[in-house]
Amino acid sequence: MEKRERDIESGLRRQVEKMGGKFMKFTSPGNDGVPDRIAVLPGGRVWFVELKREGEKPTGIQKWQMEQLRKMGCNVALITGKQEATDWCVARGLDREQLEHEDSLEPYIDPQTIAEEVRDEILREYEAGGGS
């Protein structure tokens, strides 16, 4: 079954937290296309992370935003699907055996993610209706 982006995000958040890090939603009003999340890992390692389902590609503005961040020396990751999320975590120090044993990137209903999505949808509807 194809994973939804929020399912991948939820699993990735749990893995980053296992590494002792934070996985925060990134919004930047007036800057369309910024990466979805910021991963702050132990040792001061900071990553801007754009998440996509398998088969999805970033939009033109998302590609541009990621390139701008890279040009400034930022770490930027485009993660497409569960396998890339797993590989990204392992490359940053999480034990692959633990990941595979726990199957930790399986879908999970994460209340914070759902609340953020609902808030974002309400704001989009408000702004589309002429709100300020």
C-alpha atoms as a PDB file:
ATOM      1  CA  MET A   1       0.000   0.000   0.000  1.00  0.00           C
ATOM      2  CA  GLU A   2       1.266   3.480  -0.896  1.00  0.00           C
ATOM      3  CA  LYS A   3       2.231   5.510   2.164  1.00  0.00           C
ATOM      4  CA  ARG A   4       0.802   8.962   2.617  1.00  0.00           C
ATOM      5  CA  GLU A   5       3.252  11.790   3.167  1.00  0.00           C
ATOM      6  CA  ARG A   6       2.022  12.299   6.719  1.00  0.00           C
ATOM      7  CA  ASP A   7       2.570   8.598   7.492  1.00  0.00           C
ATOM      8  CA  ILE A   8       6.182   8.885   6.345  1.00  0.00           C
ATOM      9  CA  GLU A   9       6.551  12.124   8.333  1.00  0.00           C
ATOM     10  CA  SER A  10       5.128  10.539  11.471  1.00  0.00           C
ATOM     11  CA  GLY A  11       7.507   7.586  11.331  1.00  0.00           C
ATOM     12  CA  LEU A  12      10.466   9.815  10.531  1.00  0.00           C
ATOM     13  CA  ARG A  13       9.611  12.057  13.481  1.00  0.00           C
ATOM     14  CA  ARG A  14       9.704   9.067  15.845  1.00  0.00           C
ATOM     15  CA  GLN A  15      13.075   7.973  14.444  1.00  0.00           C
ATOM     16  CA  VAL A  16      14.608  11.447  14.781  1.00  0.00           C
ATOM     17  CA  GLU A  17      13.360  11.581  18.369  1.00  0.00           C
ATOM     18  CA  LYS A  18      14.978   8.156  19.023  1.00  0.00           C
ATOM     19  CA  MET A  19      18.247   9.712  17.876  1.00  0.00           C
ATOM     20  CA  GLY A  20      17.761  12.433  20.499  1.00  0.00           C
ATOM     21  CA  GLY A  21      16.656  15.049  17.980  1.00  0.00           C
ATOM     22  CA  LYS A  22      13.662  17.197  17.138  1.00  0.00           C
ATOM     23  CA  PHE A  23      11.584  17.055  13.944  1.00  0.00           C
ATOM     24  CA  MET A  24       9.665  20.296  13.590  1.00  0.00           C
ATOM     25  CA  LYS A  25       7.153  21.514  11.040  1.00  0.00           C
ATOM     26  CA  PHE A  26       8.560  24.413   9.034  1.00  0.00           C
ATOM     27  CA  THR A  27       6.285  27.149   7.752  1.00  0.00           C
ATOM     28  CA  SER A  28       7.438  30.468   6.426  1.00  0.00           C
ATOM     29  CA  PRO A  29       4.596  32.825   5.504  1.00  0.00           C
ATOM     30  CA  GLY A  30       5.251  34.522   2.190  1.00  0.00           C
ATOM     31  CA  ASN A  31       7.845  31.906   1.183  1.00  0.00           C
ATOM     32  CA  ASP A  32       6.012  29.230  -0.759  1.00  0.00           C
ATOM     33  CA  GLY A  33       7.752  25.919  -1.312  1.00  0.00           C
ATOM     34  CA  VAL A  34       9.988  25.804   1.751  1.00  0.00           C
ATOM     35  CA  PRO A  35      10.813  22.271   2.968  1.00  0.00           C
ATOM     36  CA  ASP A  36       8.200  20.557   5.154  1.00  0.00           C
ATOM     37  CA  ARG A  37      10.301  19.970   8.240  1.00  0.00           C
ATOM     38  CA  ILE A  38      13.458  20.908  10.080  1.00  0.00           C
ATOM     39  CA  ALA A  39      15.345  18.048  11.723  1.00  0.00           C
ATOM     40  CA  VAL A  40      17.649  19.117  14.548  1.00  0.00           C
ATOM     41  CA  LEU A  41      19.966  16.248  15.418  1.00  0.00           C
ATOM     42  CA  PRO A  42      22.427  15.860  18.291  1.00  0.00           C
ATOM     43  CA  GLY A  43      25.706  17.680  17.767  1.00  0.00           C
ATOM     44  CA  GLY A  44      24.023  20.717  16.235  1.00  0.00           C
ATOM     45  CA  ARG A  45      23.279  19.028  12.919  1.00  0.00           C
ATOM     46  CA  VAL A  46      20.329  20.777  11.258  1.00  0.00           C
ATOM     47  CA  TRP A  47      18.533  19.509   8.159  1.00  0.00           C
ATOM     48  CA  PHE A  48      15.749  20.995   6.064  1.00  0.00           C
ATOM     49  CA  VAL A  49      13.621  18.035   4.970  1.00  0.00           C
ATOM     50  CA  GLU A  50      11.147  17.880   2.084  1.00  0.00           C
ATOM     51  CA  LEU A  51       8.950  14.774   2.195  1.00  0.00           C
ATOM     52  CA  LYS A  52       7.207  13.134  -0.740  1.00  0.00           C
ATOM     53  CA  ARG A  53       5.335   9.893  -1.285  1.00  0.00           C
ATOM     54  CA  GLU A  54       6.970   7.363  -3.577  1.00  0.00           C
ATOM     55  CA  GLY A  55       6.612   8.519  -7.162  1.00  0.00           C
ATOM     56  CA  GLU A  56       5.977  12.172  -6.258  1.00  0.00           C
ATOM     57  CA  LYS A  57       8.345  14.924  -7.344  1.00  0.00           C
ATOM     58  CA  PRO A  58       8.910  18.345  -5.754  1.00  0.00           C
ATOM     59  CA  THR A  59       7.322  21.307  -7.482  1.00  0.00           C
ATOM     60  CA  GLY A  60       9.417  23.910  -9.253  1.00  0.00           C
ATOM     61  CA  ILE A  61       9.215  26.340  -6.331  1.00  0.00           C
ATOM     62  CA  GLN A  62      10.171  23.553  -3.882  1.00  0.00           C
ATOM     63  CA  LYS A  63      13.232  22.689  -5.999  1.00  0.00           C
ATOM     64  CA  TRP A  64      14.179  26.379  -6.097  1.00  0.00           C
ATOM     65  CA  GLN A  65      13.812  26.792  -2.320  1.00  0.00           C
ATOM     66  CA  MET A  66      15.928  23.686  -1.651  1.00  0.00           C
ATOM     67  CA  GLU A  67      18.615  24.937  -4.038  1.00  0.00           C
ATOM     68  CA  GLN A  68      18.681  28.353  -2.338  1.00  0.00           C
ATOM     69  CA  LEU A  69      19.213  26.687   1.044  1.00  0.00           C
ATOM     70  CA  ARG A  70      21.982  24.470  -0.358  1.00  0.00           C
ATOM     71  CA  LYS A  71      23.729  27.509  -1.864  1.00  0.00           C
ATOM     72  CA  MET A  72      23.849  29.000   1.647  1.00  0.00           C
ATOM     73  CA  GLY A  73      25.526  25.848   2.972  1.00  0.00           C
ATOM     74  CA  CYS A  74      22.456  24.305   4.587  1.00  0.00           C
ATOM     75  CA  ASN A  75      21.823  20.570   4.779  1.00  0.00           C
ATOM     76  CA  VAL A  76      18.788  19.744   2.646  1.00  0.00           C
ATOM     77  CA  ALA A  77      17.194  16.323   2.147  1.00  0.00           C
ATOM     78  CA  LEU A  78      14.480  15.270  -0.271  1.00  0.00           C
ATOM     79  CA  ILE A  79      13.030  12.061   1.144  1.00  0.00           C
ATOM     80  CA  THR A  80      10.711  10.053  -1.074  1.00  0.00           C
ATOM     81  CA  GLY A  81       8.975   7.108   0.569  1.00  0.00           C
ATOM     82  CA  LYS A  82       9.577   4.845   3.537  1.00  0.00           C
ATOM     83  CA  GLN A  83      12.810   3.275   2.274  1.00  0.00           C
ATOM     84  CA  GLU A  84      14.515   6.641   1.748  1.00  0.00           C
ATOM     85  CA  ALA A  85      13.328   7.743   5.203  1.00  0.00           C
ATOM     86  CA  THR A  86      14.863   4.608   6.709  1.00  0.00           C
ATOM     87  CA  ASP A  87      18.107   5.092   4.775  1.00  0.00           C
ATOM     88  CA  TRP A  88      18.310   8.756   5.832  1.00  0.00           C
ATOM     89  CA  CYS A  89      17.980   7.801   9.518  1.00  0.00           C
ATOM     90  CA  VAL A  90      20.565   5.029   9.251  1.00  0.00           C
ATOM     91  CA  ALA A  91      23.025   7.373   7.509  1.00  0.00           C
ATOM     92  CA  ARG A  92      22.684   9.688  10.507  1.00  0.00           C
ATOM     93  CA  GLY A  93      23.342   7.060  13.149  1.00  0.00           C
ATOM     94  CA  LEU A  94      20.170   5.087  13.842  1.00  0.00           C
ATOM     95  CA  ASP A  95      20.630   1.310  14.000  1.00  0.00           C
ATOM     96  CA  ARG A  96      19.075  -0.350  10.899  1.00  0.00           C
ATOM     97  CA  GLU A  97      18.438  -3.584  12.788  1.00  0.00           C
ATOM     98  CA  GLN A  98      16.356  -1.707  15.357  1.00  0.00           C
ATOM     99  CA  LEU A  99      14.417   0.030  12.569  1.00  0.00           C
ATOM    100  CA  GLU A 100      13.634  -3.181  10.721  1.00  0.00           C
ATOM    101  CA  HIS A 101      12.748  -5.069  13.899  1.00  0.00           C
ATOM    102  CA  GLU A 102      10.321  -2.429  15.100  1.00  0.00           C
ATOM    103  CA  ASP A 103       9.075  -1.458  11.610  1.00  0.00           C
ATOM    104  CA  SER A 104       8.961   2.018  13.075  1.00  0.00           C
ATOM    105  CA  LEU A 105       8.042   3.850   9.886  1.00  0.00           C
ATOM    106  CA  GLU A 106       4.638   2.200   9.681  1.00  0.00           C
ATOM    107  CA  PRO A 107       1.618   4.515   9.656  1.00  0.00           C
ATOM    108  CA  TYR A 108       0.742   6.094  12.971  1.00  0.00           C
ATOM    109  CA  ILE A 109      -1.970   8.607  13.751  1.00  0.00           C
ATOM    110  CA  ASP A 110       0.069  11.418  15.241  1.00  0.00           C
ATOM    111  CA  PRO A 111      -2.117  14.011  17.001  1.00  0.00           C
ATOM    112  CA  GLN A 112       0.392  16.852  16.515  1.00  0.00           C
ATOM    113  CA  THR A 113       0.631  16.259  12.767  1.00  0.00           C
ATOM    114  CA  ILE A 114      -3.140  16.102  12.393  1.00  0.00           C
ATOM    115  CA  ALA A 115      -3.575  19.296  14.450  1.00  0.00           C
ATOM    116  CA  GLU A 116      -0.974  21.079  12.284  1.00  0.00           C
ATOM    117  CA  GLU A 117      -2.678  19.938   9.075  1.00  0.00           C
ATOM    118  CA  VAL A 118      -6.098  21.071  10.319  1.00  0.00           C
ATOM    119  CA  ARG A 119      -4.652  24.456  11.359  1.00  0.00           C
ATOM    120  CA  ASP A 120      -2.965  24.886   7.979  1.00  0.00           C
ATOM    121  CA  GLU A 121      -6.174  24.026   6.125  1.00  0.00           C
ATOM    122  CA  ILE A 122      -8.182  26.511   8.220  1.00  0.00           C
ATOM    123  CA  LEU A 123      -5.599  29.238   7.520  1.00  0.00           C
ATOM    124  CA  ARG A 124      -5.652  28.501   3.772  1.00  0.00           C
ATOM    125  CA  GLU A 125      -9.460  28.689   3.719  1.00  0.00           C
ATOM    126  CA  TYR A 126      -9.413  31.908   5.749  1.00  0.00           C
ATOM    127  CA  GLU A 127      -6.840  33.536   3.472  1.00  0.00           C
ATOM    128  CA  ALA A 128      -8.651  32.360   0.332  1.00  0.00           C
ATOM    129  CA  GLY A 129     -11.812  33.982   1.671  1.00  0.00           C
ATOM    130  CA  GLY A 130     -10.107  37.380   1.918  1.00  0.00           C
ATOM    131  CA  GLY A 131      -9.094  37.205   5.587  1.00  0.00           C
ATOM    132  CA  SER A 132      -5.936  38.895   6.736  1.00  0.00           C
END
